[in-house]
N, C-alpha and C. Protein backbone atom coordinates (compact mmCIF):
# COMPACT_ATOMS: atom_id res chain seq x y z
N MET A 1 20.31 -68.00 18.33
CA MET A 1 20.01 -67.60 19.81
C MET A 1 19.66 -68.42 21.01
N GLY A 2 19.07 -67.92 22.34
CA GLY A 2 18.84 -68.28 23.22
C GLY A 2 16.32 -68.80 23.41
N ASP A 3 16.70 -68.80 24.93
CA ASP A 3 14.85 -69.65 24.86
C ASP A 3 13.88 -67.89 25.81
N VAL A 4 13.26 -67.55 26.05
CA VAL A 4 13.27 -66.78 26.47
C VAL A 4 11.74 -67.19 27.66
N ALA A 5 11.22 -66.64 28.50
CA ALA A 5 10.27 -66.85 29.61
C ALA A 5 9.98 -65.88 29.60
N THR A 6 8.65 -65.59 29.15
CA THR A 6 8.20 -64.39 28.99
C THR A 6 6.38 -64.70 30.08
N ILE A 7 5.59 -63.99 31.18
CA ILE A 7 4.80 -64.19 32.13
C ILE A 7 3.98 -63.02 31.75
N PHE A 8 2.73 -63.23 31.77
CA PHE A 8 1.35 -62.56 30.64
C PHE A 8 0.22 -61.85 32.16
N LYS A 9 0.26 -60.44 32.07
CA LYS A 9 -0.58 -61.13 33.36
C LYS A 9 -2.30 -60.79 32.70
N ILE A 10 -3.41 -61.57 32.33
CA ILE A 10 -4.10 -61.87 32.04
C ILE A 10 -5.43 -60.59 32.47
N TYR A 11 -6.22 -59.43 31.85
CA TYR A 11 -7.41 -59.30 32.84
C TYR A 11 -8.42 -59.90 31.79
N THR A 12 -9.23 -59.87 32.56
CA THR A 12 -10.54 -59.98 32.02
C THR A 12 -12.02 -59.57 32.78
N GLU A 13 -12.87 -60.18 31.27
CA GLU A 13 -14.48 -59.66 32.45
C GLU A 13 -14.56 -59.77 33.43
N THR A 14 -15.40 -59.41 34.38
CA THR A 14 -15.90 -59.71 35.15
C THR A 14 -16.48 -61.35 35.80
N GLY A 15 -16.42 -61.86 36.23
CA GLY A 15 -16.40 -63.21 36.07
C GLY A 15 -16.48 -64.46 35.18
N LYS A 16 -15.23 -64.51 34.76
CA LYS A 16 -15.14 -64.83 33.43
C LYS A 16 -13.87 -65.52 33.16
N GLU A 17 -12.81 -65.54 33.87
CA GLU A 17 -10.98 -65.70 34.74
C GLU A 17 -11.21 -67.14 34.18
N THR A 18 -12.49 -67.54 34.54
CA THR A 18 -12.11 -69.70 34.88
C THR A 18 -11.88 -69.92 33.23
N GLU A 19 -13.22 -68.97 32.33
CA GLU A 19 -12.80 -70.04 30.98
C GLU A 19 -12.11 -69.79 29.97
N VAL A 20 -11.74 -67.97 29.93
CA VAL A 20 -10.34 -67.94 29.65
C VAL A 20 -9.33 -68.83 30.00
N ARG A 21 -8.77 -69.28 31.05
CA ARG A 21 -8.46 -69.86 31.10
C ARG A 21 -8.14 -71.13 30.81
N ASP A 22 -9.20 -71.89 30.47
CA ASP A 22 -9.56 -73.00 30.13
C ASP A 22 -9.34 -72.71 28.49
N SER A 23 -9.94 -71.80 27.52
CA SER A 23 -9.31 -71.35 26.87
C SER A 23 -8.41 -71.02 25.97
N ILE A 24 -7.16 -70.45 26.59
CA ILE A 24 -6.11 -70.38 26.83
C ILE A 24 -5.25 -71.66 26.31
N ILE A 25 -5.39 -72.30 27.70
CA ILE A 25 -4.58 -73.70 28.44
C ILE A 25 -4.93 -74.27 26.78
N LYS A 26 -5.72 -75.10 26.40
CA LYS A 26 -6.23 -75.24 24.84
C LYS A 26 -6.27 -74.98 23.53
N THR A 27 -6.15 -73.71 23.44
CA THR A 27 -5.65 -73.07 22.57
C THR A 27 -3.95 -73.13 22.41
N LEU A 28 -3.88 -72.48 23.15
CA LEU A 28 -2.01 -71.81 23.27
C LEU A 28 -1.41 -73.21 23.95
N LYS A 29 -1.58 -73.50 24.72
CA LYS A 29 -0.33 -74.48 25.41
C LYS A 29 0.71 -73.75 26.23
N PRO A 30 1.02 -73.06 27.39
CA PRO A 30 1.57 -72.18 27.60
C PRO A 30 1.75 -73.20 29.12
N LYS A 31 3.15 -72.92 28.63
CA LYS A 31 4.12 -73.47 30.07
C LYS A 31 3.53 -73.18 31.26
N SER A 32 3.27 -72.54 32.39
CA SER A 32 1.85 -72.91 33.07
C SER A 32 1.03 -71.77 33.54
N ILE A 33 -0.10 -72.29 34.56
CA ILE A 33 -0.81 -70.70 34.21
C ILE A 33 -1.41 -70.87 35.16
N GLN A 34 -1.83 -69.82 36.08
CA GLN A 34 -2.45 -69.27 36.71
C GLN A 34 -4.07 -68.63 37.61
N LEU A 35 -4.38 -68.87 38.07
CA LEU A 35 -5.26 -67.20 38.62
C LEU A 35 -4.29 -66.80 40.04
N GLU A 36 -4.77 -65.55 39.91
CA GLU A 36 -4.29 -64.91 41.69
C GLU A 36 -5.32 -63.88 41.69
N ASP A 37 -5.47 -63.56 43.17
CA ASP A 37 -6.52 -62.82 43.87
C ASP A 37 -5.43 -60.85 43.19
N VAL A 38 -6.69 -60.02 43.08
CA VAL A 38 -5.23 -58.83 42.83
C VAL A 38 -5.80 -57.94 44.28
N ALA A 39 -7.26 -58.02 43.91
CA ALA A 39 -8.31 -57.35 45.04
C ALA A 39 -9.84 -57.03 44.66
N PHE A 40 -10.16 -57.01 45.87
CA PHE A 40 -12.01 -56.84 45.20
C PHE A 40 -13.18 -57.44 44.95
N GLY A 41 -12.10 -59.07 45.21
CA GLY A 41 -12.68 -59.76 43.62
C GLY A 41 -12.89 -60.06 42.50
N ILE A 42 -11.46 -58.67 42.36
CA ILE A 42 -10.76 -59.03 40.52
C ILE A 42 -9.47 -60.08 40.54
N LYS A 43 -9.80 -60.92 40.35
CA LYS A 43 -8.90 -61.91 39.28
C LYS A 43 -7.48 -61.42 38.31
N VAL A 44 -6.45 -62.08 38.47
CA VAL A 44 -5.82 -62.09 36.91
C VAL A 44 -4.97 -63.70 36.62
N ILE A 45 -5.10 -63.93 35.31
CA ILE A 45 -4.83 -64.81 34.85
C ILE A 45 -3.12 -64.46 34.72
N LYS A 46 -2.16 -64.98 34.99
CA LYS A 46 -0.42 -64.84 35.31
C LYS A 46 -0.01 -66.37 34.38
N VAL A 47 0.15 -65.66 33.46
CA VAL A 47 0.62 -67.49 32.54
C VAL A 47 1.42 -67.45 31.64
N MET A 48 2.72 -68.10 31.83
CA MET A 48 4.08 -68.31 31.23
C MET A 48 4.53 -69.21 30.14
N PHE A 49 4.97 -68.48 29.09
CA PHE A 49 5.30 -69.33 27.89
C PHE A 49 6.81 -68.95 27.75
N VAL A 50 6.86 -70.26 26.93
CA VAL A 50 8.79 -70.47 26.46
C VAL A 50 8.89 -69.88 25.44
N HIS A 51 10.05 -69.57 24.86
CA HIS A 51 9.80 -69.53 23.19
C HIS A 51 11.29 -68.71 23.18
N THR A 52 11.52 -68.94 21.34
CA THR A 52 13.14 -67.92 21.17
C THR A 52 13.27 -66.94 21.29
N ASP A 53 13.93 -66.89 20.87
CA ASP A 53 14.48 -64.59 21.21
C ASP A 53 14.09 -64.28 19.61
N GLU A 54 13.95 -65.39 19.40
CA GLU A 54 14.36 -64.32 17.40
C GLU A 54 11.92 -64.43 17.86
N GLU A 55 11.78 -65.34 17.86
CA GLU A 55 10.11 -65.37 18.13
C GLU A 55 9.76 -64.29 18.96
N GLY A 56 9.66 -63.53 20.02
CA GLY A 56 9.53 -62.63 19.90
C GLY A 56 8.55 -62.85 21.02
N SER A 57 8.37 -62.27 22.43
CA SER A 57 6.39 -62.40 22.49
C SER A 57 5.33 -61.24 21.13
N THR A 58 5.57 -60.67 21.26
CA THR A 58 4.48 -59.88 20.22
C THR A 58 3.49 -60.48 19.51
N ALA A 59 3.93 -62.17 19.21
CA ALA A 59 3.05 -63.01 18.11
C ALA A 59 1.90 -62.93 19.38
N ILE A 60 2.78 -63.84 20.45
CA ILE A 60 2.41 -64.41 22.12
C ILE A 60 1.05 -63.80 22.52
N GLU A 61 1.12 -61.96 22.47
CA GLU A 61 0.27 -60.60 23.04
C GLU A 61 -0.38 -60.88 21.87
N GLU A 62 -0.61 -60.71 21.15
CA GLU A 62 -1.18 -60.48 19.79
C GLU A 62 -2.19 -62.08 19.91
N LYS A 63 -2.26 -62.62 20.24
CA LYS A 63 -3.41 -64.11 20.51
C LYS A 63 -3.63 -64.48 21.88
N LEU A 64 -3.28 -63.61 22.73
CA LEU A 64 -4.00 -63.33 24.02
C LEU A 64 -5.33 -62.56 23.93
N LYS A 65 -4.63 -61.38 23.41
CA LYS A 65 -5.52 -61.06 23.07
C LYS A 65 -7.06 -60.90 22.74
N ALA A 66 -6.44 -61.89 21.56
CA ALA A 66 -7.63 -62.06 20.41
C ALA A 66 -9.37 -63.51 21.13
N VAL A 67 -8.46 -63.72 22.51
CA VAL A 67 -8.82 -64.71 23.10
C VAL A 67 -10.28 -64.18 23.13
N LYS A 68 -11.43 -64.69 23.71
CA LYS A 68 -12.69 -64.16 24.31
C LYS A 68 -13.21 -63.77 25.47
N ASP A 69 -13.66 -62.05 26.08
CA ASP A 69 -13.42 -61.53 27.04
C ASP A 69 -12.12 -61.41 27.42
N VAL A 70 -11.15 -61.42 26.55
CA VAL A 70 -10.10 -60.83 27.29
C VAL A 70 -9.51 -59.36 27.26
N THR A 71 -9.39 -58.18 28.60
CA THR A 71 -9.74 -57.10 28.16
C THR A 71 -8.86 -56.49 28.00
N GLU A 72 -7.54 -57.03 28.65
CA GLU A 72 -5.86 -56.54 28.59
C GLU A 72 -4.82 -56.99 28.61
N VAL A 73 -3.75 -57.61 27.96
CA VAL A 73 -2.37 -57.94 27.95
C VAL A 73 -1.44 -56.85 28.30
N GLU A 74 -0.74 -57.82 29.58
CA GLU A 74 0.67 -56.87 29.95
C GLU A 74 1.98 -57.73 30.19
N VAL A 75 2.49 -57.29 29.55
CA VAL A 75 3.72 -58.36 29.84
C VAL A 75 4.18 -58.10 31.58
N ALA A 76 4.20 -59.38 32.40
CA ALA A 76 4.60 -59.21 33.82
C ALA A 76 6.76 -59.59 33.82
N ASP A 77 6.93 -59.56 33.07
CA ASP A 77 8.36 -60.24 33.00
C ASP A 77 8.21 -60.93 32.00
N GLN A 78 10.28 -61.32 31.79
CA GLN A 78 10.81 -61.11 30.79
C GLN A 78 11.80 -61.67 30.62
N THR A 79 12.40 -63.07 30.70
CA THR A 79 13.89 -63.03 31.07
C THR A 79 14.04 -64.44 30.13
N LEU A 80 15.62 -64.15 29.60
CA LEU A 80 16.71 -65.30 29.36
C LEU A 80 16.84 -66.57 30.10
N LEU A 81 16.74 -68.06 29.24
CA LEU A 81 16.91 -68.84 29.90
C LEU A 81 18.18 -69.74 29.95
């Protein structure tokens, strides 16, 4: 099977975006990560992981949901590489 790139949008408790981003970088080692302004001071963390098609993105999503101060995780985009 091929490799898959999955981009997740992660919503956090207000003001905790930087702490959550740092925790994700340290524990999950994403391919890329960035903070993005949404509106009215709300920020979302966009994070990309590259994994095999067989692994799927569900396990990564569960690990992201388990990070302290994460309130919501959604798959923003997914594509074969």
